[in-house]
């Protein structure tokens, strides 16, 4: 089993969600994140003064999947989230040792 984490532009969330749904992925966790990168942080002008917001807002998507689905999911996210500009995000794939379903007590693949 693998954990797929994708940090994407907020504007690409619906496209990623729709494309994942097309390949049968209808459940994942997502949340707002902030960070720094090569893309410069956003500057806002308020009443004639320029302010540096100091971070880059993004969304992070997390999925736990079976090994054989990782490539297809990673490719789907990349194609849906890509704009070709700096700041498109990253996909991180890591191994999962064990998953336990809280409701049933199922372990690993049966817990998915």
C-alpha atoms as a PDB file:
ATOM      1  CA  UNK A   1       0.000   0.000   0.000  1.00  0.00           C
ATOM      2  CA  UNK A   2       1.083   3.545  -0.703  1.00  0.00           C
ATOM      3  CA  UNK A   3       0.166   6.997   0.478  1.00  0.00           C
ATOM      4  CA  UNK A   4      -0.166   9.537  -2.323  1.00  0.00           C
ATOM      5  CA  UNK A   5       0.056  13.171  -1.246  1.00  0.00           C
ATOM      6  CA  UNK A   6      -0.458  15.915  -3.803  1.00  0.00           C
ATOM      7  CA  UNK A   7       0.023  19.615  -3.167  1.00  0.00           C
ATOM      8  CA  UNK A   8      -1.835  21.483  -5.905  1.00  0.00           C
ATOM      9  CA  UNK A   9      -3.137  24.919  -6.839  1.00  0.00           C
ATOM     10  CA  UNK A  10      -6.556  25.584  -5.302  1.00  0.00           C
ATOM     11  CA  UNK A  11      -7.859  26.518  -8.746  1.00  0.00           C
ATOM     12  CA  UNK A  12      -7.130  22.982 -10.000  1.00  0.00           C
ATOM     13  CA  UNK A  13      -8.966  21.139  -7.224  1.00  0.00           C
ATOM     14  CA  UNK A  14     -12.222  20.555  -9.145  1.00  0.00           C
ATOM     15  CA  UNK A  15     -10.347  19.251 -12.200  1.00  0.00           C
ATOM     16  CA  UNK A  16      -8.313  16.852 -10.041  1.00  0.00           C
ATOM     17  CA  UNK A  17     -11.411  15.693  -8.140  1.00  0.00           C
ATOM     18  CA  UNK A  18     -13.362  15.100 -11.361  1.00  0.00           C
ATOM     19  CA  UNK A  19     -10.515  13.227 -13.063  1.00  0.00           C
ATOM     20  CA  UNK A  20      -9.947  11.026 -10.002  1.00  0.00           C
ATOM     21  CA  UNK A  21     -13.661  10.243  -9.976  1.00  0.00           C
ATOM     22  CA  UNK A  22     -13.442   9.156 -13.637  1.00  0.00           C
ATOM     23  CA  UNK A  23     -10.886   6.484 -12.678  1.00  0.00           C
ATOM     24  CA  UNK A  24     -12.962   5.279  -9.718  1.00  0.00           C
ATOM     25  CA  UNK A  25     -11.338   7.258  -6.886  1.00  0.00           C
ATOM     26  CA  UNK A  26     -14.234   8.794  -4.987  1.00  0.00           C
ATOM     27  CA  UNK A  27     -12.716   9.176  -1.527  1.00  0.00           C
ATOM     28  CA  UNK A  28      -9.714  11.154  -0.367  1.00  0.00           C
ATOM     29  CA  UNK A  29      -8.785  13.661   2.289  1.00  0.00           C
ATOM     30  CA  UNK A  30      -7.931  17.256   1.436  1.00  0.00           C
ATOM     31  CA  UNK A  31      -7.069  20.377   3.349  1.00  0.00           C
ATOM     32  CA  UNK A  32      -5.712  23.869   2.865  1.00  0.00           C
ATOM     33  CA  UNK A  33      -1.968  24.245   3.309  1.00  0.00           C
ATOM     34  CA  UNK A  34       0.510  27.109   3.099  1.00  0.00           C
ATOM     35  CA  UNK A  35       4.138  27.045   2.117  1.00  0.00           C
ATOM     36  CA  UNK A  36       7.107  28.634   0.451  1.00  0.00           C
ATOM     37  CA  UNK A  37       8.673  27.691  -2.838  1.00  0.00           C
ATOM     38  CA  UNK A  38      10.272  29.017  -5.966  1.00  0.00           C
ATOM     39  CA  UNK A  39       7.049  30.786  -6.817  1.00  0.00           C
ATOM     40  CA  UNK A  40       7.036  34.098  -5.007  1.00  0.00           C
ATOM     41  CA  UNK A  41       4.420  34.760  -2.357  1.00  0.00           C
ATOM     42  CA  UNK A  42       1.452  36.887  -3.337  1.00  0.00           C
ATOM     43  CA  UNK A  43       1.597  40.642  -2.818  1.00  0.00           C
ATOM     44  CA  UNK A  44      -1.585  42.583  -2.109  1.00  0.00           C
ATOM     45  CA  UNK A  45      -2.104  46.321  -2.497  1.00  0.00           C
ATOM     46  CA  UNK A  46      -4.400  47.823   0.108  1.00  0.00           C
ATOM     47  CA  UNK A  47      -5.035  51.578   0.210  1.00  0.00           C
ATOM     48  CA  UNK A  48      -1.946  52.245  -1.849  1.00  0.00           C
ATOM     49  CA  UNK A  49       0.430  50.159   0.293  1.00  0.00           C
ATOM     50  CA  UNK A  50       1.840  46.815  -0.878  1.00  0.00           C
ATOM     51  CA  UNK A  51       1.712  43.895   1.568  1.00  0.00           C
ATOM     52  CA  UNK A  52       3.457  40.537   1.289  1.00  0.00           C
ATOM     53  CA  UNK A  53       1.026  37.845   2.398  1.00  0.00           C
ATOM     54  CA  UNK A  54       4.095  35.712   3.172  1.00  0.00           C
ATOM     55  CA  UNK A  55       2.902  32.327   1.982  1.00  0.00           C
ATOM     56  CA  UNK A  56       1.565  30.481  -1.014  1.00  0.00           C
ATOM     57  CA  UNK A  57      -1.896  28.938  -0.470  1.00  0.00           C
ATOM     58  CA  UNK A  58      -2.421  25.445  -1.859  1.00  0.00           C
ATOM     59  CA  UNK A  59      -4.536  22.352  -1.263  1.00  0.00           C
ATOM     60  CA  UNK A  60      -3.118  19.029  -0.129  1.00  0.00           C
ATOM     61  CA  UNK A  61      -4.835  15.818  -1.196  1.00  0.00           C
ATOM     62  CA  UNK A  62      -4.068  12.516   0.551  1.00  0.00           C
ATOM     63  CA  UNK A  63      -5.019   9.037  -0.646  1.00  0.00           C
ATOM     64  CA  UNK A  64      -4.107   5.559   0.591  1.00  0.00           C
ATOM     65  CA  UNK A  65      -4.119   3.153  -2.353  1.00  0.00           C
ATOM     66  CA  UNK A  66      -3.047  -0.317  -3.400  1.00  0.00           C
ATOM     67  CA  UNK A  67       0.365  -0.480  -5.077  1.00  0.00           C
ATOM     68  CA  UNK A  68      -1.000  -1.334  -8.521  1.00  0.00           C
ATOM     69  CA  UNK A  69      -3.062   1.891  -8.634  1.00  0.00           C
ATOM     70  CA  UNK A  70      -0.296   4.356  -7.741  1.00  0.00           C
ATOM     71  CA  UNK A  71       0.973   5.140 -11.261  1.00  0.00           C
ATOM     72  CA  UNK A  72      -2.526   5.678 -12.680  1.00  0.00           C
ATOM     73  CA  UNK A  73      -3.504   7.955  -9.777  1.00  0.00           C
ATOM     74  CA  UNK A  74      -0.247   9.913  -9.910  1.00  0.00           C
ATOM     75  CA  UNK A  75      -0.578  10.420 -13.678  1.00  0.00           C
ATOM     76  CA  UNK A  76      -4.225  11.495 -13.305  1.00  0.00           C
ATOM     77  CA  UNK A  77      -3.402  14.085 -10.655  1.00  0.00           C
ATOM     78  CA  UNK A  78      -0.427  15.416 -12.622  1.00  0.00           C
ATOM     79  CA  UNK A  79      -2.389  15.842 -15.841  1.00  0.00           C
ATOM     80  CA  UNK A  80      -5.366  17.489 -14.111  1.00  0.00           C
ATOM     81  CA  UNK A  81      -3.269  19.845 -11.933  1.00  0.00           C
ATOM     82  CA  UNK A  82      -0.643  20.899 -14.470  1.00  0.00           C
ATOM     83  CA  UNK A  83      -0.577  24.465 -15.819  1.00  0.00           C
ATOM     84  CA  UNK A  84       3.062  24.490 -16.919  1.00  0.00           C
ATOM     85  CA  UNK A  85       3.909  27.367 -14.585  1.00  0.00           C
ATOM     86  CA  UNK A  86       6.146  27.442 -11.516  1.00  0.00           C
ATOM     87  CA  UNK A  87       4.065  26.519  -8.468  1.00  0.00           C
ATOM     88  CA  UNK A  88       2.023  23.680  -9.959  1.00  0.00           C
ATOM     89  CA  UNK A  89       2.872  21.571  -6.902  1.00  0.00           C
ATOM     90  CA  UNK A  90       4.278  18.178  -6.029  1.00  0.00           C
ATOM     91  CA  UNK A  91       3.160  14.559  -5.723  1.00  0.00           C
ATOM     92  CA  UNK A  92       4.747  12.546  -2.918  1.00  0.00           C
ATOM     93  CA  UNK A  93       4.415   8.754  -2.767  1.00  0.00           C
ATOM     94  CA  UNK A  94       5.402   6.831   0.361  1.00  0.00           C
ATOM     95  CA  UNK A  95       5.011   3.292   1.691  1.00  0.00           C
ATOM     96  CA  UNK A  96       2.383   2.481   4.318  1.00  0.00           C
ATOM     97  CA  UNK A  97       3.140  -0.200   6.894  1.00  0.00           C
ATOM     98  CA  UNK A  98      -0.371  -0.893   8.117  1.00  0.00           C
ATOM     99  CA  UNK A  99      -3.927   0.430   8.045  1.00  0.00           C
ATOM    100  CA  UNK A 100      -6.592  -0.497  10.574  1.00  0.00           C
ATOM    101  CA  UNK A 101     -10.287   0.272  10.099  1.00  0.00           C
ATOM    102  CA  UNK A 102     -11.651   1.809  13.277  1.00  0.00           C
ATOM    103  CA  UNK A 103     -15.192   0.551  12.618  1.00  0.00           C
ATOM    104  CA  UNK A 104     -14.469  -3.052  11.619  1.00  0.00           C
ATOM    105  CA  UNK A 105     -10.927  -3.755  12.771  1.00  0.00           C
ATOM    106  CA  UNK A 106     -10.005  -4.822   9.226  1.00  0.00           C
ATOM    107  CA  UNK A 107      -6.317  -4.664   8.428  1.00  0.00           C
ATOM    108  CA  UNK A 108      -4.494  -3.303   5.328  1.00  0.00           C
ATOM    109  CA  UNK A 109      -6.206  -3.756   1.908  1.00  0.00           C
ATOM    110  CA  UNK A 110      -9.462  -4.940   3.472  1.00  0.00           C
ATOM    111  CA  UNK A 111      -9.472  -1.725   5.538  1.00  0.00           C
ATOM    112  CA  UNK A 112      -9.485   0.404   2.392  1.00  0.00           C
END
